[in-house]
Amino acid sequence: MLDLSSGVNILIYGSIVSVLSFFVTLFGTPKIIRSLISKGEVVQDYHKPEKPNVPRPAGPVLIIGIAAAEIILYMLTWKIKVIAILLTATIAFIVGFIDDRKVMPGWFKPVALIVAAIPLIVLGAHGSHLNLIFGRADIPLLYLPLIMIIIPISGNTVNSIDVLNGVASGFISITMIPLLVSVAIFGSNEVFISALPLLFTTIALYRYHKFPSRIFPGDSGTLLIGAMYGAIAVAGNSEVIGAVALLPAVMNSFLFLSSVKKIVEHRQVKSRPTVLMNDFKLIASKEKEAPTTLLRLILAEGPLSEKEIGYKIFKLAVFSSFLAFISIIIQYHFL
C-alpha cells in the first residue's frame, strides 16, 4: 500500500497518474476521431465558412484516461475517496453519453446528475462542514443535500459553457490550478493526486479541441469534467474555492436560466443569443426573446471571431482563478 504521507511518494505517484492520464488521452483521441468519422458520428461546426463535420463525443477517451489513473491509485492506496470520485465521474459520463445518443428533455441532466452525487455520500467522501472564506459552517445535516446540488450544478455549468471551440477544455485546465492548490491545503493527499488526472486529460484534450476543433467533447465529456470537478471540490473541502474559480461559467448558467425562466436544453431554445454574420463573426442577438448568456454579454461591445471570444473567456477564467487564490489566502488565515 502506498504511503501518501510521504512527500516523495506523493511526487512520484502524482507524476505517474498525470503522465498516464495525459498520454492515454493524447494518443487515444486520434483513434476515437477516426472511429467516430468512420461511423458517421459527426456534427457540423456552423461557425466555420466550410461548415466542417466534427466528430463527437470525446467523452469515452476521457473516461478511459481518467479511470486508468484512478483505478491504479485506488489499488495502491485503497483510499475510498479515490473510488468515490471515479464513480461520480463515471455516472456523469453515462448520463452525458445517453444525452449524446438521444436528445433528452431539459430536466434529464440535472436530475440524473443527482445520482452521480450518491457515491460521495454513501462512501463518506465528504466532511461535515463547509469551508467558507471567512471561517467554516458546521452543517452535518444540510451538507448532504448540498452535495446533491453541487454535482448537478458543476456538471451542467461546464456543459453550458461548451459553446465554442476549445472553451470547455481550456477553461477547466485553467480553473483546475486554484482548485488543486486549495485541495493541497484544505483537503487530503489522496484527493490531490486524484485531481491530477482531470487536469492532464483536459490539457491533452485541448490539443484536439482548440480552435479549429478536430473533436467535440459532447455531453459525455463536459458532464464528466464538470461533475468530477465538483466531486474533487467536495472531497477536498474546497467547495467555495471551486465555485469562485468557476464563476464565469456559473454566471453563464445563471443568466441563461433567469432569462428563459425554466430548465431547458440550449438546443431547444428557438431564439439564439448570438447571430452569425456573413464574415463568420458573431454578434449579440437583438431579439427580446433571445436568452441572456455570457457569450451574449461578451459580444455586447461588437462582433468578434470565435477565436477572439475564446480568448476573452480564458481571460475571465484567469481572473476568476486569481480571485480563487485570494480566497484561499483569506480562508487559510481564518481557519
Protein backbone atom coordinates (compact mmCIF):
# COMPACT_ATOMS: atom_id res chain seq x y z
CA MET A 1 0.00 0.00 0.00
CA LEU A 2 1.35 3.39 -1.00
CA ASP A 3 2.21 5.71 1.89
CA LEU A 4 0.61 9.04 0.97
CA SER A 5 2.12 10.80 3.97
CA SER A 6 5.50 10.79 2.25
CA GLY A 7 6.24 13.82 0.09
CA VAL A 8 8.45 11.72 -2.18
CA ASN A 9 5.70 9.16 -2.77
CA ILE A 10 3.17 11.91 -3.47
CA LEU A 11 5.53 13.42 -6.06
CA ILE A 12 6.32 10.08 -7.69
CA TYR A 13 2.77 8.78 -7.83
CA GLY A 14 1.34 12.14 -8.76
CA SER A 15 3.70 12.14 -11.72
CA ILE A 16 2.67 8.61 -12.70
CA VAL A 17 -1.09 9.28 -12.74
CA SER A 18 -0.53 12.60 -14.51
CA VAL A 19 1.59 11.06 -17.26
CA LEU A 20 -0.75 8.08 -17.65
CA SER A 21 -3.94 10.13 -17.97
CA PHE A 22 -2.26 12.66 -20.26
CA PHE A 23 -0.83 10.18 -22.75
CA VAL A 24 -3.86 7.87 -22.79
CA THR A 25 -5.95 10.89 -23.81
CA LEU A 26 -3.31 12.33 -26.13
CA PHE A 27 -2.79 9.12 -28.10
CA GLY A 28 -6.33 7.80 -27.69
CA THR A 29 -8.09 10.87 -29.08
CA PRO A 30 -6.85 10.47 -32.69
CA LYS A 31 -8.09 6.88 -32.62
CA ILE A 32 -11.56 7.86 -31.42
CA ILE A 33 -11.62 10.66 -34.01
CA ARG A 34 -11.07 8.11 -36.78
CA SER A 35 -13.61 5.73 -35.24
CA LEU A 36 -16.31 8.39 -34.94
CA ILE A 37 -15.74 9.60 -38.50
CA SER A 38 -15.96 6.05 -39.86
CA LYS A 39 -19.28 5.58 -38.04
CA GLY A 40 -20.62 8.92 -39.22
CA GLU A 41 -20.91 10.25 -35.66
CA VAL A 42 -20.19 13.85 -36.58
CA VAL A 43 -21.87 17.24 -36.22
CA GLN A 44 -21.46 20.38 -38.28
CA ASP A 45 -19.38 23.25 -36.96
CA TYR A 46 -21.63 26.11 -38.06
CA HIS A 47 -19.16 28.83 -37.07
CA LYS A 48 -16.75 27.94 -39.88
CA PRO A 49 -17.13 29.06 -43.53
CA GLU A 50 -16.93 25.49 -44.85
CA LYS A 51 -19.13 24.10 -42.02
CA PRO A 52 -16.89 21.06 -41.46
CA ASN A 53 -18.15 17.85 -39.91
CA VAL A 54 -16.52 17.39 -36.49
CA PRO A 55 -16.62 14.04 -34.67
CA ARG A 56 -18.37 13.88 -31.30
CA PRO A 57 -18.15 12.83 -28.44
CA ALA A 58 -14.69 12.69 -26.86
CA GLY A 59 -16.22 11.52 -23.58
CA PRO A 60 -15.20 7.84 -23.98
CA VAL A 61 -11.49 8.58 -24.32
CA LEU A 62 -11.65 10.99 -21.36
CA ILE A 63 -13.21 8.41 -19.05
CA ILE A 64 -10.66 5.80 -20.14
CA GLY A 65 -7.75 8.14 -19.38
CA ILE A 66 -9.17 9.18 -16.02
CA ALA A 67 -10.31 5.70 -14.98
CA ALA A 68 -6.94 4.12 -15.79
CA ALA A 69 -5.16 6.52 -13.45
CA GLU A 70 -7.78 6.44 -10.69
CA ILE A 71 -8.02 2.63 -10.62
CA ILE A 72 -4.25 2.31 -10.24
CA LEU A 73 -4.29 4.89 -7.45
CA TYR A 74 -7.08 3.05 -5.67
CA MET A 75 -5.41 -0.36 -5.98
CA LEU A 76 -2.21 1.02 -4.45
CA THR A 77 -3.77 3.07 -1.66
CA TRP A 78 -7.24 1.60 -1.01
CA LYS A 79 -8.40 5.15 -0.26
CA ILE A 80 -12.18 5.25 -0.53
CA LYS A 81 -12.27 8.87 -1.69
CA VAL A 82 -10.46 7.85 -4.88
CA ILE A 83 -13.14 5.36 -5.89
CA ALA A 84 -15.91 7.78 -4.86
CA ILE A 85 -14.57 10.47 -7.19
CA LEU A 86 -14.19 7.95 -10.01
CA LEU A 87 -17.74 6.64 -9.56
CA THR A 88 -19.15 10.16 -9.62
CA ALA A 89 -17.24 10.91 -12.83
CA THR A 90 -18.32 7.60 -14.41
CA ILE A 91 -22.02 8.11 -13.65
CA ALA A 92 -21.84 11.66 -15.05
CA PHE A 93 -20.20 10.26 -18.19
CA ILE A 94 -23.02 7.74 -18.61
CA VAL A 95 -25.66 10.47 -18.17
CA GLY A 96 -23.92 12.58 -20.81
CA PHE A 97 -23.46 9.62 -23.16
CA ILE A 98 -27.19 8.94 -23.06
CA ASP A 99 -27.81 12.58 -23.96
CA ASP A 100 -25.25 12.36 -26.77
CA ARG A 101 -27.17 9.48 -28.29
CA LYS A 102 -30.65 10.89 -27.84
CA VAL A 103 -31.84 14.43 -27.13
CA MET A 104 -33.36 14.21 -23.67
CA PRO A 105 -35.72 16.74 -22.03
CA GLY A 106 -34.21 19.69 -20.18
CA TRP A 107 -34.75 18.18 -16.72
CA PHE A 108 -32.86 14.96 -17.52
CA LYS A 109 -29.26 16.05 -16.96
CA PRO A 110 -29.70 17.99 -13.69
CA VAL A 111 -31.95 15.29 -12.20
CA ALA A 112 -29.81 12.38 -13.39
CA LEU A 113 -26.65 14.01 -12.05
CA ILE A 114 -28.11 13.78 -8.55
CA VAL A 115 -27.37 10.05 -8.89
CA ALA A 116 -23.73 10.93 -9.60
CA ALA A 117 -23.53 12.60 -6.18
CA ILE A 118 -24.58 9.45 -4.34
CA PRO A 119 -21.12 7.73 -4.26
CA LEU A 120 -19.66 10.74 -2.46
CA ILE A 121 -22.35 10.43 0.23
CA VAL A 122 -22.58 6.63 0.53
CA LEU A 123 -18.80 6.17 0.64
CA GLY A 124 -18.34 9.06 3.04
CA ALA A 125 -16.02 11.05 0.78
CA HIS A 126 -17.07 14.33 2.34
CA GLY A 127 -16.80 16.29 5.56
CA SER A 128 -19.48 17.57 7.89
CA HIS A 129 -18.73 21.26 7.38
CA LEU A 130 -18.44 23.79 4.61
CA ASN A 131 -15.26 25.85 4.38
CA LEU A 132 -16.30 29.45 3.85
CA ILE A 133 -13.94 32.32 3.00
CA PHE A 134 -14.14 33.86 6.50
CA GLY A 135 -14.50 30.67 8.50
CA ARG A 136 -16.45 27.45 8.29
CA ALA A 137 -20.05 26.36 8.77
CA ASP A 138 -20.72 23.10 10.61
CA ILE A 139 -23.83 21.81 8.87
CA PRO A 140 -23.75 17.98 9.09
CA LEU A 141 -27.40 17.51 8.09
CA LEU A 142 -27.61 20.23 5.46
CA TYR A 143 -24.31 19.22 3.90
CA LEU A 144 -25.67 16.01 2.37
CA PRO A 145 -28.41 17.68 0.27
CA LEU A 146 -25.88 20.38 -0.58
CA ILE A 147 -23.65 17.75 -2.20
CA MET A 148 -26.62 16.61 -4.28
CA ILE A 149 -26.91 20.20 -5.53
CA ILE A 150 -23.19 20.82 -6.11
CA ILE A 151 -22.64 17.92 -8.53
CA PRO A 152 -25.56 18.74 -10.90
CA ILE A 153 -24.59 22.43 -10.84
CA SER A 154 -20.91 21.83 -11.58
CA GLY A 155 -21.71 19.28 -14.30
CA ASN A 156 -24.29 21.42 -16.07
CA THR A 157 -22.25 24.60 -15.60
CA VAL A 158 -19.32 23.19 -17.56
CA ASN A 159 -21.74 21.70 -20.07
CA SER A 160 -23.36 25.11 -20.65
CA ILE A 161 -20.07 26.89 -21.33
CA ASP A 162 -19.11 24.40 -24.06
CA VAL A 163 -20.27 26.76 -26.80
CA LEU A 164 -17.16 27.33 -28.92
CA ASN A 165 -14.02 25.51 -29.99
CA GLY A 166 -11.73 24.72 -27.08
CA VAL A 167 -13.65 26.67 -24.43
CA ALA A 168 -14.69 23.85 -22.07
CA SER A 169 -11.34 22.04 -22.03
CA GLY A 170 -9.30 25.24 -21.88
CA PHE A 171 -11.50 26.77 -19.18
CA ILE A 172 -11.22 23.75 -16.88
CA SER A 173 -7.46 23.43 -17.49
CA ILE A 174 -7.11 26.97 -16.12
CA THR A 175 -9.54 26.73 -13.22
CA MET A 176 -8.12 23.40 -12.02
CA ILE A 177 -4.98 25.19 -10.80
CA PRO A 178 -6.55 27.05 -7.84
CA LEU A 179 -8.68 24.00 -7.03
CA LEU A 180 -5.55 21.82 -6.80
CA VAL A 181 -3.86 24.35 -4.53
CA SER A 182 -6.94 24.52 -2.31
CA VAL A 183 -7.18 20.71 -2.05
CA ALA A 184 -3.48 20.52 -1.19
CA ILE A 185 -4.05 22.97 1.69
CA PHE A 186 -7.51 22.09 3.00
CA GLY A 187 -8.04 18.56 1.69
CA SER A 188 -6.07 15.32 1.66
CA ASN A 189 -3.17 13.90 -0.31
CA GLU A 190 -5.28 11.20 -1.98
CA VAL A 191 -7.79 13.75 -3.26
CA PHE A 192 -4.97 15.95 -4.54
CA ILE A 193 -3.48 13.06 -6.52
CA SER A 194 -6.99 12.02 -7.66
CA ALA A 195 -7.47 15.52 -9.11
CA LEU A 196 -4.36 15.44 -11.29
CA PRO A 197 -5.85 13.16 -13.99
CA LEU A 198 -8.66 15.65 -14.59
CA LEU A 199 -6.15 18.44 -15.18
CA PHE A 200 -3.96 16.43 -17.53
CA THR A 201 -6.79 14.84 -19.52
CA THR A 202 -8.27 18.27 -20.22
CA ILE A 203 -4.85 19.61 -21.22
CA ALA A 204 -4.42 16.67 -23.62
CA LEU A 205 -7.95 17.09 -24.97
CA TYR A 206 -7.37 20.81 -25.57
CA ARG A 207 -4.81 19.95 -28.25
CA TYR A 208 -7.63 18.49 -30.37
CA HIS A 209 -10.49 20.64 -29.07
CA LYS A 210 -8.82 24.03 -29.51
CA PHE A 211 -9.68 26.24 -32.50
CA PRO A 212 -10.24 24.78 -35.05
CA SER A 213 -11.65 21.75 -33.25
CA ARG A 214 -10.88 18.26 -34.50
CA ILE A 215 -13.31 16.75 -31.96
CA PHE A 216 -16.03 17.96 -29.63
CA PRO A 217 -16.28 16.62 -26.05
CA GLY A 218 -20.06 16.19 -26.24
CA ASP A 219 -22.28 15.99 -23.17
CA SER A 220 -20.47 12.84 -22.04
CA GLY A 221 -17.23 14.81 -21.96
CA THR A 222 -18.45 18.04 -20.39
CA LEU A 223 -20.67 16.42 -17.76
CA LEU A 224 -17.82 14.09 -16.82
CA ILE A 225 -15.40 17.02 -16.48
CA GLY A 226 -17.82 19.22 -14.58
CA ALA A 227 -19.09 16.55 -12.18
CA MET A 228 -15.57 15.35 -11.41
CA TYR A 229 -14.54 18.95 -10.74
CA GLY A 230 -17.39 19.20 -8.25
CA ALA A 231 -16.52 15.84 -6.68
CA ILE A 232 -12.92 16.93 -6.15
CA ALA A 233 -14.11 20.17 -4.55
CA VAL A 234 -16.41 18.24 -2.17
CA ALA A 235 -13.90 15.52 -1.26
CA GLY A 236 -11.13 18.11 -0.93
CA ASN A 237 -13.02 20.55 1.35
CA SER A 238 -12.79 23.20 -1.38
CA GLU A 239 -16.38 23.81 -2.47
CA VAL A 240 -16.33 27.60 -2.21
CA ILE A 241 -12.90 27.87 -3.85
CA GLY A 242 -14.14 25.74 -6.75
CA ALA A 243 -17.24 27.91 -7.11
CA VAL A 244 -15.15 31.09 -7.21
CA ALA A 245 -12.86 29.65 -9.88
CA LEU A 246 -15.88 28.59 -11.98
CA LEU A 247 -17.57 31.97 -11.54
CA PRO A 248 -17.79 32.91 -15.27
CA ALA A 249 -19.38 29.55 -16.09
CA VAL A 250 -21.70 29.78 -13.08
CA MET A 251 -22.72 33.27 -14.18
CA ASN A 252 -23.41 31.94 -17.68
CA SER A 253 -25.78 29.28 -16.31
CA PHE A 254 -27.50 31.77 -14.01
CA LEU A 255 -28.03 34.29 -16.82
CA PHE A 256 -29.46 31.63 -19.10
CA LEU A 257 -31.85 30.21 -16.51
CA SER A 258 -33.00 33.63 -15.32
CA SER A 259 -33.79 34.71 -18.89
CA VAL A 260 -35.59 31.55 -20.10
CA LYS A 261 -37.16 31.01 -16.64
CA LYS A 262 -37.15 27.22 -16.91
CA ILE A 263 -34.79 24.27 -17.24
CA VAL A 264 -34.41 23.59 -20.94
CA GLU A 265 -31.78 22.28 -23.34
CA HIS A 266 -29.84 25.02 -25.13
CA ARG A 267 -30.57 23.38 -28.49
CA GLN A 268 -34.30 23.55 -27.74
CA VAL A 269 -34.26 27.35 -27.42
CA LYS A 270 -35.78 28.87 -30.57
CA SER A 271 -34.17 32.32 -30.32
CA ARG A 272 -30.39 32.15 -30.30
CA PRO A 273 -28.34 34.52 -28.10
CA THR A 274 -25.93 35.24 -30.96
CA VAL A 275 -26.11 35.73 -34.71
CA LEU A 276 -23.51 34.55 -37.22
CA MET A 277 -22.55 37.25 -39.72
CA ASN A 278 -21.51 36.79 -43.33
CA ASP A 279 -17.86 37.18 -42.37
CA PHE A 280 -18.40 34.43 -39.76
CA LYS A 281 -18.01 36.75 -36.84
CA LEU A 282 -20.58 36.54 -34.07
CA ILE A 283 -22.74 39.40 -32.82
CA ALA A 284 -25.20 39.61 -29.95
CA SER A 285 -28.80 38.93 -30.90
CA LYS A 286 -31.18 41.88 -30.69
CA GLU A 287 -34.26 39.69 -30.27
CA LYS A 288 -36.04 40.23 -26.96
CA GLU A 289 -36.81 36.52 -26.70
CA ALA A 290 -33.14 35.53 -27.04
CA PRO A 291 -31.68 34.20 -23.77
CA THR A 292 -29.00 36.16 -21.97
CA THR A 293 -25.68 34.34 -21.76
CA LEU A 294 -22.05 35.10 -21.02
CA LEU A 295 -21.34 34.91 -24.74
CA ARG A 296 -24.03 37.47 -25.50
CA LEU A 297 -22.59 39.85 -22.88
CA ILE A 298 -19.09 39.49 -24.31
CA LEU A 299 -20.44 40.41 -27.75
CA ALA A 300 -22.34 43.46 -26.44
CA GLU A 301 -19.44 45.73 -27.44
CA GLY A 302 -19.36 44.46 -31.01
CA PRO A 303 -18.76 41.44 -33.25
CA LEU A 304 -15.87 39.07 -32.58
CA SER A 305 -14.49 35.95 -34.20
CA GLU A 306 -14.87 32.59 -32.50
CA LYS A 307 -11.18 32.54 -31.64
CA GLU A 308 -11.30 36.03 -30.13
CA ILE A 309 -14.29 35.10 -27.96
CA GLY A 310 -12.46 32.01 -26.72
CA TYR A 311 -9.50 34.11 -25.59
CA LYS A 312 -11.83 36.50 -23.75
CA ILE A 313 -13.41 33.58 -21.89
CA PHE A 314 -9.95 32.30 -20.98
CA LYS A 315 -9.06 35.74 -19.62
CA LEU A 316 -12.17 35.57 -17.45
CA ALA A 317 -11.05 32.12 -16.27
CA VAL A 318 -7.65 33.53 -15.32
CA PHE A 319 -9.31 36.40 -13.45
CA SER A 320 -11.71 34.12 -11.55
CA SER A 321 -8.78 31.82 -10.73
CA PHE A 322 -6.93 34.84 -9.35
CA LEU A 323 -9.96 35.59 -7.16
CA ALA A 324 -9.92 31.95 -6.05
CA PHE A 325 -6.27 32.28 -4.99
CA ILE A 326 -7.14 35.38 -2.95
CA SER A 327 -9.99 33.41 -1.36
CA ILE A 328 -7.55 30.61 -0.48
CA ILE A 329 -5.25 33.08 1.29
CA ILE A 330 -8.12 34.62 3.25
CA GLN A 331 -9.60 31.22 4.09
CA TYR A 332 -6.23 29.89 5.26
CA HIS A 333 -5.91 32.90 7.59
CA PHE A 334 -9.31 32.36 9.24
CA LEU A 335 -9.29 28.54 9.51
